[in-house]
C-alpha atoms as a PDB file:
ATOM      1  CA  MET A   1      36.032  -7.568  -5.175  1.00  0.00           C
ATOM      2  CA  GLY A   2      33.742 -10.054  -3.441  1.00  0.00           C
ATOM      3  CA  LYS A   3      33.511 -13.766  -4.053  1.00  0.00           C
ATOM      4  CA  GLY A   4      30.204 -13.622  -5.881  1.00  0.00           C
ATOM      5  CA  TYR A   5      26.641 -14.672  -5.250  1.00  0.00           C
ATOM      6  CA  VAL A   6      24.489 -17.757  -4.808  1.00  0.00           C
ATOM      7  CA  LEU A   7      20.962 -18.403  -6.025  1.00  0.00           C
ATOM      8  CA  GLY A   8      18.876 -21.423  -5.061  1.00  0.00           C
ATOM      9  CA  PHE A   9      15.565 -22.923  -6.093  1.00  0.00           C
ATOM     10  CA  MET A  10      13.590 -25.456  -4.041  1.00  0.00           C
ATOM     11  CA  PHE A  11      11.249 -27.676  -6.052  1.00  0.00           C
ATOM     12  CA  SER A  12       8.389 -29.620  -4.472  1.00  0.00           C
ATOM     13  CA  PRO A  13       8.792 -33.425  -4.438  1.00  0.00           C
ATOM     14  CA  ASP A  14       6.225 -33.738  -7.237  1.00  0.00           C
ATOM     15  CA  MET A  15       8.075 -31.038  -9.240  1.00  0.00           C
ATOM     16  CA  GLU A  16       4.793 -29.097  -9.547  1.00  0.00           C
ATOM     17  CA  ARG A  17       5.805 -26.110  -7.387  1.00  0.00           C
ATOM     18  CA  ILE A  18       8.867 -23.965  -6.792  1.00  0.00           C
ATOM     19  CA  LEU A  19       9.609 -21.792  -3.773  1.00  0.00           C
ATOM     20  CA  LEU A  20      10.168 -18.146  -4.732  1.00  0.00           C
ATOM     21  CA  MET A  21      10.593 -15.046  -2.586  1.00  0.00           C
ATOM     22  CA  ARG A  22       9.272 -11.569  -3.306  1.00  0.00           C
ATOM     23  CA  LYS A  23      12.439  -9.474  -3.160  1.00  0.00           C
ATOM     24  CA  ASN A  24      12.838  -6.186  -1.277  1.00  0.00           C
ATOM     25  CA  ARG A  25      16.404  -5.588  -2.392  1.00  0.00           C
ATOM     26  CA  PRO A  26      18.441  -4.921  -4.366  1.00  0.00           C
ATOM     27  CA  GLU A  27      16.307  -2.086  -5.666  1.00  0.00           C
ATOM     28  CA  PHE A  28      16.196  -3.383  -9.251  1.00  0.00           C
ATOM     29  CA  GLN A  29      14.537  -6.595  -7.956  1.00  0.00           C
ATOM     30  CA  ALA A  30      12.146  -4.962  -5.468  1.00  0.00           C
ATOM     31  CA  GLY A  31       8.661  -6.465  -5.775  1.00  0.00           C
ATOM     32  CA  LYS A  32       9.785  -9.212  -8.138  1.00  0.00           C
ATOM     33  CA  PHE A  33       9.918 -12.936  -7.459  1.00  0.00           C
ATOM     34  CA  ASN A  34      13.219 -14.780  -7.493  1.00  0.00           C
ATOM     35  CA  GLY A  35      14.962 -17.748  -5.975  1.00  0.00           C
ATOM     36  CA  ILE A  36      16.685 -17.427  -2.630  1.00  0.00           C
ATOM     37  CA  GLY A  37      20.264 -16.276  -2.345  1.00  0.00           C
ATOM     38  CA  GLY A  38      22.726 -13.509  -1.749  1.00  0.00           C
ATOM     39  CA  LYS A  39      26.394 -12.664  -1.379  1.00  0.00           C
ATOM     40  CA  ILE A  40      29.102 -15.154  -0.536  1.00  0.00           C
ATOM     41  CA  GLU A  41      30.712 -13.884   2.671  1.00  0.00           C
ATOM     42  CA  GLY A  42      34.239 -14.142   4.061  1.00  0.00           C
ATOM     43  CA  THR A  43      35.755 -17.578   3.635  1.00  0.00           C
ATOM     44  CA  GLU A  44      32.478 -19.297   2.691  1.00  0.00           C
ATOM     45  CA  THR A  45      32.302 -21.670  -0.210  1.00  0.00           C
ATOM     46  CA  PRO A  46      29.364 -21.129  -2.559  1.00  0.00           C
ATOM     47  CA  LEU A  47      27.609 -24.161  -1.028  1.00  0.00           C
ATOM     48  CA  GLN A  48      28.083 -22.838   2.524  1.00  0.00           C
ATOM     49  CA  ALA A  49      26.682 -19.486   1.399  1.00  0.00           C
ATOM     50  CA  MET A  50      23.654 -21.203  -0.187  1.00  0.00           C
ATOM     51  CA  ILE A  51      22.902 -23.097   3.032  1.00  0.00           C
ATOM     52  CA  ARG A  52      23.245 -19.901   5.119  1.00  0.00           C
ATOM     53  CA  GLU A  53      21.188 -17.721   2.777  1.00  0.00           C
ATOM     54  CA  PHE A  54      18.336 -20.231   2.632  1.00  0.00           C
ATOM     55  CA  GLU A  55      18.305 -20.502   6.411  1.00  0.00           C
ATOM     56  CA  GLU A  56      18.284 -16.704   6.793  1.00  0.00           C
ATOM     57  CA  GLU A  57      15.624 -16.044   4.183  1.00  0.00           C
ATOM     58  CA  ALA A  58      13.387 -19.125   4.430  1.00  0.00           C
ATOM     59  CA  GLY A  59      13.981 -20.123   8.057  1.00  0.00           C
ATOM     60  CA  GLN A  60      14.836 -23.719   7.209  1.00  0.00           C
ATOM     61  CA  THR A  61      18.174 -25.548   7.218  1.00  0.00           C
ATOM     62  CA  VAL A  62      18.666 -27.409   3.948  1.00  0.00           C
ATOM     63  CA  THR A  63      22.030 -28.994   3.217  1.00  0.00           C
ATOM     64  CA  ASP A  64      21.396 -31.146   0.141  1.00  0.00           C
ATOM     65  CA  TRP A  65      21.797 -28.432  -2.493  1.00  0.00           C
ATOM     66  CA  LYS A  66      22.909 -29.614  -5.924  1.00  0.00           C
ATOM     67  CA  PHE A  67      25.077 -27.374  -8.083  1.00  0.00           C
ATOM     68  CA  LEU A  68      23.436 -26.472 -11.388  1.00  0.00           C
ATOM     69  CA  LYS A  69      25.338 -23.680 -13.139  1.00  0.00           C
ATOM     70  CA  THR A  70      27.600 -20.666 -12.797  1.00  0.00           C
ATOM     71  CA  PHE A  71      26.886 -17.495 -14.737  1.00  0.00           C
ATOM     72  CA  PRO A  72      28.507 -14.052 -14.781  1.00  0.00           C
ATOM     73  CA  ALA A  73      26.935 -11.360 -12.600  1.00  0.00           C
ATOM     74  CA  GLY A  74      28.767  -8.178 -13.423  1.00  0.00           C
ATOM     75  CA  ASP A  75      32.412  -8.660 -12.499  1.00  0.00           C
ATOM     76  CA  GLN A  76      31.606 -11.633 -10.236  1.00  0.00           C
ATOM     77  CA  ASP A  77      30.011 -15.051 -10.601  1.00  0.00           C
ATOM     78  CA  CYS A  78      26.622 -16.353  -9.499  1.00  0.00           C
ATOM     79  CA  TYR A  79      26.463 -19.993  -8.451  1.00  0.00           C
ATOM     80  CA  VAL A  80      23.040 -21.564  -8.998  1.00  0.00           C
ATOM     81  CA  TYR A  81      21.791 -24.492  -6.910  1.00  0.00           C
ATOM     82  CA  TYR A  82      18.597 -26.510  -6.633  1.00  0.00           C
ATOM     83  CA  THR A  83      17.075 -28.921  -4.159  1.00  0.00           C
ATOM     84  CA  ILE A  84      13.902 -30.926  -3.829  1.00  0.00           C
ATOM     85  CA  GLY A  85      11.979 -30.543  -0.615  1.00  0.00           C
ATOM     86  CA  ASP A  86       8.869 -29.323   1.074  1.00  0.00           C
ATOM     87  CA  HIS A  87       9.170 -25.874   2.618  1.00  0.00           C
ATOM     88  CA  THR A  88       6.260 -25.258   4.960  1.00  0.00           C
END
């Protein structure tokens, strides 16, 4: 069993916008919008995974993620984070 998943949301400084990605996979999310995230790999902590996933998917290094909530995702957990920034 893996270590779970991370999911992050970046809000604009004025809290008027949120960065979402149109997903290609997994198949059940294809074409839908969601936050940015993915699987926790190897010895990563959830926070390390969130930083890596955002860099891979959004092309920006963001390290000031704030933990929001954990919820069950099948037989694993999903760790939800948020940050405030301006992704351009």
